[in-house]
N, C-alpha and C. Protein backbone atom coordinates (compact mmCIF):
# COMPACT_ATOMS: atom_id res chain seq x y z
N MET A 1 -115.99 43.41 79.39
CA MET A 1 -114.68 42.92 80.54
C MET A 1 -114.46 41.54 80.48
N GLN A 2 -114.83 40.75 79.32
CA GLN A 2 -114.56 39.38 78.95
C GLN A 2 -113.00 39.47 78.48
N ASP A 3 -112.08 40.87 78.73
CA ASP A 3 -110.67 40.61 78.23
C ASP A 3 -110.40 40.89 79.82
N VAL A 4 -110.61 41.03 80.76
CA VAL A 4 -110.07 41.28 82.12
C VAL A 4 -109.49 39.65 82.37
N PRO A 5 -108.09 39.23 82.63
CA PRO A 5 -107.58 38.53 83.69
C PRO A 5 -108.14 38.03 84.79
N LEU A 6 -108.45 36.99 84.56
CA LEU A 6 -109.08 36.59 86.03
C LEU A 6 -108.44 36.85 87.20
N ASP A 7 -107.04 36.96 87.39
CA ASP A 7 -106.51 37.40 89.04
C ASP A 7 -106.96 39.04 89.49
N GLU A 8 -107.45 39.60 87.93
CA GLU A 8 -108.13 40.83 88.54
C GLU A 8 -109.39 41.01 88.16
N TYR A 9 -109.82 40.37 88.31
CA TYR A 9 -111.19 39.94 87.89
C TYR A 9 -111.46 39.73 89.44
N LEU A 10 -110.88 38.54 90.18
CA LEU A 10 -111.00 38.08 91.30
C LEU A 10 -110.46 39.29 92.72
N ASP A 11 -109.45 39.86 92.09
CA ASP A 11 -109.39 41.10 93.04
C ASP A 11 -110.38 41.95 93.20
N ASP A 12 -110.69 42.71 92.25
CA ASP A 12 -111.82 43.53 91.90
C ASP A 12 -113.80 43.72 91.87
N ASP A 13 -113.62 44.33 93.63
CA ASP A 13 -114.96 43.63 93.46
C ASP A 13 -116.27 44.77 92.11
N ASN A 14 -115.74 45.53 92.26
CA ASN A 14 -116.38 46.61 91.55
C ASN A 14 -117.05 45.64 90.24
N ILE A 15 -115.21 45.19 89.45
CA ILE A 15 -115.76 44.46 88.45
C ILE A 15 -116.71 43.62 88.73
N GLN A 16 -116.45 43.17 89.99
CA GLN A 16 -117.64 41.76 90.09
C GLN A 16 -119.27 42.32 89.67
N THR A 17 -119.37 43.17 90.36
CA THR A 17 -120.49 43.47 90.75
C THR A 17 -121.47 43.86 89.65
N ILE A 18 -120.49 44.85 88.31
CA ILE A 18 -120.62 45.33 86.97
C ILE A 18 -120.83 43.85 86.44
N VAL A 19 -120.31 43.62 86.50
CA VAL A 19 -120.40 41.53 85.24
C VAL A 19 -121.36 40.93 86.01
N GLU A 20 -121.39 40.98 87.18
CA GLU A 20 -122.74 39.93 88.17
C GLU A 20 -124.21 41.03 87.73
N ARG A 21 -124.37 42.00 87.60
CA ARG A 21 -125.36 42.95 87.41
C ARG A 21 -125.82 42.59 86.04
N LYS A 22 -125.05 42.79 84.74
CA LYS A 22 -124.80 42.94 83.53
C LYS A 22 -125.50 41.75 83.28
N LEU A 23 -124.47 40.42 83.54
CA LEU A 23 -125.19 38.86 83.14
C LEU A 23 -126.46 38.92 83.83
N GLN A 24 -127.34 39.52 85.05
CA GLN A 24 -128.30 39.50 85.32
C GLN A 24 -129.57 40.20 84.57
N LEU A 25 -129.16 41.50 83.92
CA LEU A 25 -129.89 41.73 83.23
C LEU A 25 -130.27 41.37 81.90
N ALA A 26 -128.95 40.94 81.13
CA ALA A 26 -129.00 40.30 79.99
C ALA A 26 -129.82 38.82 79.81
N ILE A 27 -129.63 38.12 81.21
CA ILE A 27 -130.49 37.34 81.23
C ILE A 27 -132.07 37.64 81.40
N GLN A 28 -132.39 38.43 81.65
CA GLN A 28 -133.85 39.15 82.49
C GLN A 28 -134.28 39.94 80.74
N VAL A 29 -133.35 39.97 80.30
CA VAL A 29 -134.08 40.68 79.02
C VAL A 29 -134.43 39.46 78.28
N CYS A 30 -133.69 38.55 77.87
CA CYS A 30 -133.94 37.16 76.72
C CYS A 30 -135.43 36.81 77.48
N MET A 31 -135.51 36.37 79.04
CA MET A 31 -137.09 35.88 79.70
C MET A 31 -137.87 36.92 79.22
N ASP A 32 -137.82 37.98 79.22
CA ASP A 32 -139.24 38.91 79.10
C ASP A 32 -139.30 39.03 77.46
N VAL A 33 -137.89 38.81 77.00
CA VAL A 33 -138.80 38.25 75.25
C VAL A 33 -139.37 36.96 75.05
N ALA A 34 -138.82 35.98 75.58
CA ALA A 34 -139.57 34.76 75.78
C ALA A 34 -140.95 34.80 76.12
N ASN A 35 -141.34 35.64 77.32
CA ASN A 35 -142.41 35.36 77.72
C ASN A 35 -143.23 36.08 77.22
N TYR A 36 -142.89 37.20 76.24
CA TYR A 36 -144.24 37.97 75.16
C TYR A 36 -144.15 37.13 74.06
N LEU A 37 -143.38 36.55 73.71
CA LEU A 37 -143.58 35.41 72.72
C LEU A 37 -144.13 34.83 72.94
N ILE A 38 -144.08 34.37 73.97
CA ILE A 38 -145.22 32.91 74.67
C ILE A 38 -146.54 33.65 74.87
N GLY A 39 -146.64 35.14 75.22
CA GLY A 39 -147.64 35.57 75.26
C GLY A 39 -148.66 35.64 74.20
N GLN A 40 -148.07 36.55 73.15
CA GLN A 40 -148.61 36.87 71.52
C GLN A 40 -148.91 35.40 70.82
N LEU A 41 -148.14 34.28 70.74
CA LEU A 41 -148.60 33.39 70.41
C LEU A 41 -149.39 32.54 70.51
N GLY A 42 -149.62 32.66 71.95
CA GLY A 42 -150.77 32.14 72.44
C GLY A 42 -150.51 30.70 72.84
N LEU A 43 -149.13 30.40 73.10
CA LEU A 43 -148.63 29.32 73.60
C LEU A 43 -149.00 29.08 75.47
N ALA A 44 -148.68 28.07 75.86
CA ALA A 44 -149.09 27.49 77.42
C ALA A 44 -147.69 28.29 77.88
N ALA A 45 -148.77 28.56 79.18
CA ALA A 45 -147.87 29.91 80.26
C ALA A 45 -146.69 28.28 80.45
N PRO A 46 -145.47 28.35 80.88
CA PRO A 46 -144.53 27.59 81.09
C PRO A 46 -144.81 27.35 83.04
N ASP A 47 -144.70 26.23 83.88
CA ASP A 47 -144.75 26.37 85.32
C ASP A 47 -143.86 26.81 85.90
N ALA A 48 -142.63 26.75 85.54
CA ALA A 48 -141.27 27.56 86.01
C ALA A 48 -140.71 28.53 85.23
N PRO A 49 -140.11 29.36 85.77
CA PRO A 49 -139.44 30.35 84.51
C PRO A 49 -138.41 30.44 83.66
N GLU A 50 -137.84 29.30 84.16
CA GLU A 50 -136.16 28.61 83.55
C GLU A 50 -136.88 27.86 82.50
N ASN A 51 -138.12 27.34 82.15
CA ASN A 51 -139.01 26.64 81.54
C ASN A 51 -139.63 27.66 79.81
N VAL A 52 -139.73 28.94 79.98
CA VAL A 52 -139.96 29.88 79.36
C VAL A 52 -138.78 29.56 78.11
N PHE A 53 -137.76 29.25 78.27
CA PHE A 53 -137.35 28.83 76.79
C PHE A 53 -137.85 27.17 76.37
N GLN A 54 -137.67 26.27 77.31
CA GLN A 54 -137.79 25.45 76.20
C GLN A 54 -139.35 25.45 76.14
N ALA A 55 -140.28 26.37 76.17
CA ALA A 55 -141.90 26.47 75.34
C ALA A 55 -141.57 26.80 74.22
N LEU A 56 -139.95 28.05 74.22
CA LEU A 56 -139.87 28.11 72.69
C LEU A 56 -139.35 26.96 71.55
N GLY A 57 -138.45 25.90 72.60
CA GLY A 57 -137.53 25.20 71.81
C GLY A 57 -138.96 23.94 71.33
N ARG A 58 -139.54 23.66 72.53
CA ARG A 58 -140.57 22.83 72.00
C ARG A 58 -141.39 23.36 70.79
N GLU A 59 -141.84 24.43 70.21
CA GLU A 59 -142.62 24.82 69.02
C GLU A 59 -141.62 25.62 68.12
N GLY A 60 -140.09 25.24 68.01
CA GLY A 60 -139.80 25.42 67.18
C GLY A 60 -139.11 27.11 66.98
N ILE A 61 -139.20 27.59 67.99
CA ILE A 61 -138.89 29.34 67.70
C ILE A 61 -137.17 28.75 68.44
N ILE A 62 -136.78 28.44 69.19
CA ILE A 62 -135.25 28.52 68.90
C ILE A 62 -134.85 26.85 68.81
N ASP A 63 -134.03 26.79 69.17
CA ASP A 63 -133.59 24.70 68.53
C ASP A 63 -133.35 24.47 70.27
N LYS A 64 -133.85 23.32 70.55
CA LYS A 64 -133.95 22.42 71.71
C LYS A 64 -132.31 22.79 72.38
N GLU A 65 -131.29 22.62 71.93
CA GLU A 65 -129.80 22.89 72.55
C GLU A 65 -130.17 24.05 73.46
N LEU A 66 -130.42 25.26 72.55
CA LEU A 66 -130.11 26.69 72.71
C LEU A 66 -131.21 26.79 74.13
N ALA A 67 -132.27 26.08 74.24
CA ALA A 67 -133.97 26.48 74.66
C ALA A 67 -133.13 26.11 76.06
N SER A 68 -131.83 24.54 76.39
CA SER A 68 -131.47 24.02 77.95
C SER A 68 -130.21 24.58 78.07
N HIS A 69 -129.58 25.43 77.11
CA HIS A 69 -128.32 26.36 77.38
C HIS A 69 -129.09 27.98 78.58
N MET A 70 -130.36 28.34 77.89
CA MET A 70 -130.89 29.53 78.16
C MET A 70 -131.30 29.04 79.59
N ALA A 71 -132.18 27.95 79.56
CA ALA A 71 -132.32 27.29 80.85
C ALA A 71 -131.71 27.51 82.04
N GLY A 72 -130.56 27.45 81.84
CA GLY A 72 -129.61 27.09 82.48
C GLY A 72 -129.16 28.39 82.89
N MET A 73 -129.55 29.40 81.98
CA MET A 73 -128.87 30.70 82.25
C MET A 73 -129.81 31.32 83.33
N VAL A 74 -131.37 31.19 83.13
CA VAL A 74 -132.38 31.10 84.52
C VAL A 74 -131.89 30.95 86.12
N ARG A 75 -131.42 29.28 85.73
CA ARG A 75 -131.06 29.51 87.52
C ARG A 75 -129.81 30.31 87.63
N PHE A 76 -128.87 30.16 86.85
CA PHE A 76 -127.60 31.43 87.34
C PHE A 76 -128.28 32.41 87.71
N ARG A 77 -129.20 33.33 86.76
CA ARG A 77 -129.70 34.43 86.82
C ARG A 77 -130.55 34.22 88.40
N ASN A 78 -131.00 33.12 89.02
CA ASN A 78 -131.40 33.43 90.11
C ASN A 78 -130.56 33.23 91.05
N ILE A 79 -129.57 32.88 91.29
CA ILE A 79 -128.78 32.37 91.90
C ILE A 79 -127.58 33.85 91.71
N LEU A 80 -127.75 34.81 90.88
CA LEU A 80 -127.34 36.21 91.39
C LEU A 80 -128.34 37.20 91.84
N VAL A 81 -129.35 36.77 91.95
CA VAL A 81 -130.96 37.97 92.28
C VAL A 81 -130.95 37.17 93.77
N HIS A 82 -130.87 36.12 94.23
CA HIS A 82 -131.79 35.69 95.37
C HIS A 82 -130.69 34.96 96.14
N ASP A 83 -129.81 34.36 95.91
CA ASP A 83 -128.52 33.80 96.58
C ASP A 83 -126.77 34.42 96.19
N TYR A 84 -126.89 36.24 96.40
CA TYR A 84 -126.08 36.83 96.25
C TYR A 84 -124.58 36.69 97.48
N LEU A 85 -125.12 36.33 98.32
CA LEU A 85 -123.96 36.25 99.58
C LEU A 85 -123.47 34.86 99.44
N GLU A 86 -123.46 34.23 98.30
CA GLU A 86 -122.92 32.90 98.25
C GLU A 86 -122.87 33.25 96.65
N ILE A 87 -122.82 33.99 95.42
CA ILE A 87 -121.74 33.50 94.33
C ILE A 87 -120.43 33.13 94.66
N ASP A 88 -120.24 32.43 93.74
CA ASP A 88 -118.75 32.18 93.39
C ASP A 88 -118.26 32.98 92.06
N ALA A 89 -117.39 33.86 92.29
CA ALA A 89 -116.63 34.48 91.95
C ALA A 89 -116.15 34.11 90.20
N ARG A 90 -115.64 32.99 89.94
CA ARG A 90 -115.01 31.85 89.34
C ARG A 90 -116.10 31.47 87.93
N ILE A 91 -117.50 31.43 88.79
CA ILE A 91 -118.67 30.37 87.95
C ILE A 91 -118.46 31.84 87.32
N VAL A 92 -118.98 33.32 87.99
CA VAL A 92 -119.11 33.61 87.29
C VAL A 92 -118.63 34.26 86.12
N TYR A 93 -116.98 34.51 86.35
CA TYR A 93 -116.04 34.68 84.82
C TYR A 93 -116.49 33.37 84.12
N SER A 94 -116.19 32.29 84.71
CA SER A 94 -116.81 31.34 83.41
C SER A 94 -117.58 31.81 82.74
N ASN A 95 -118.64 32.04 83.28
CA ASN A 95 -119.81 32.35 82.27
C ASN A 95 -119.37 33.38 81.43
N LEU A 96 -118.54 34.61 82.16
CA LEU A 96 -118.45 35.61 81.00
C LEU A 96 -117.69 35.01 80.31
N ALA A 97 -116.71 34.26 80.02
CA ALA A 97 -115.82 34.07 79.25
C ALA A 97 -116.22 32.95 78.45
N GLU A 98 -117.45 32.17 78.30
CA GLU A 98 -117.61 31.02 77.62
C GLU A 98 -119.30 31.09 77.08
N ASP A 99 -119.84 31.75 77.72
CA ASP A 99 -121.63 31.79 77.63
C ASP A 99 -122.21 32.54 76.72
N LEU A 100 -121.42 34.25 76.60
CA LEU A 100 -122.16 34.64 75.95
C LEU A 100 -122.30 34.62 74.47
N LYS A 101 -122.01 33.80 73.89
CA LYS A 101 -122.44 33.84 72.87
C LYS A 101 -124.09 32.62 72.72
N ASP A 102 -124.46 32.67 73.53
CA ASP A 102 -125.93 32.09 73.94
C ASP A 102 -126.71 33.11 73.53
N PHE A 103 -126.36 34.39 73.93
CA PHE A 103 -127.20 35.53 73.86
C PHE A 103 -127.34 35.57 72.54
N ASP A 104 -126.41 35.96 71.79
CA ASP A 104 -125.75 36.01 70.31
C ASP A 104 -126.70 35.18 69.76
N GLU A 105 -126.69 33.76 70.02
CA GLU A 105 -127.65 32.85 69.20
C GLU A 105 -128.53 33.17 69.44
N TYR A 106 -129.30 33.21 70.82
CA TYR A 106 -130.39 33.76 71.21
C TYR A 106 -130.90 34.58 70.18
N ALA A 107 -130.71 35.97 70.09
CA ALA A 107 -131.05 37.10 69.37
C ALA A 107 -131.05 36.18 68.06
N ARG A 108 -130.07 35.75 67.89
CA ARG A 108 -129.88 35.52 66.06
C ARG A 108 -131.30 34.51 66.04
N GLN A 109 -131.85 33.98 66.12
CA GLN A 109 -132.69 32.75 66.08
C GLN A 109 -134.12 33.72 66.31
N ILE A 110 -134.17 34.54 67.25
CA ILE A 110 -135.30 35.24 67.27
C ILE A 110 -135.32 36.58 66.70
N ALA A 111 -134.40 36.91 65.96
CA ALA A 111 -135.09 38.20 64.85
C ALA A 111 -134.96 36.91 63.69
N GLY A 112 -134.27 35.92 63.40
CA GLY A 112 -134.03 35.47 62.47
C GLY A 112 -135.68 34.75 61.97
N ARG A 113 -136.17 34.57 63.23
CA ARG A 113 -137.84 34.04 62.76
C ARG A 113 -138.49 35.09 62.71
N PHE A 114 -138.51 36.52 63.65
CA PHE A 114 -139.63 36.96 63.64
C PHE A 114 -139.25 38.46 63.08
N LEU A 115 -138.51 39.05 62.93
CA LEU A 115 -137.96 40.51 62.09
C LEU A 115 -137.76 40.47 60.59
N GLU A 116 -138.19 41.02 60.31
CA GLU A 116 -137.78 41.21 59.11
C GLU A 116 -136.52 41.55 58.45
N GLN A 117 -135.38 40.94 57.57
CA GLN A 117 -134.68 41.01 56.90
C GLN A 117 -134.29 42.69 56.06
C-alpha cells in the first residue's frame, strides 16, 4: 500500500481501512513481543503501554532512539483503536510512507539479540 498515491488513498475508504488495521496489528505485535521479553527477562513492568519499549531501551535490548519511535507508535495505535472517529487520513498516510522502517529496525534489533543467526 505504500505505492498508493496520496490522492487515491484519501479517496478510497477501503484502502484507508486496510492500512489502519494492518498498522494497528503490526504495532500490537511489536508490543506483544516487548511484553513477552519484559516478562521472560524479569524486567519491571511498565506503568503504561507505551513504556514497554522504553523498558527495552533502558536495558539495551533496543536502542533508545528506536524505543522512543516505538512509543510514538503505541500512541498512534491508541488513536486507531479508541479514537477511530477522529483519525486523520493524512497522518496515517504519512506513517505508512515514512515509519515502516521502524518495524524493520525493531525486528532486526530483537532478532540480533535473541535469535541464533
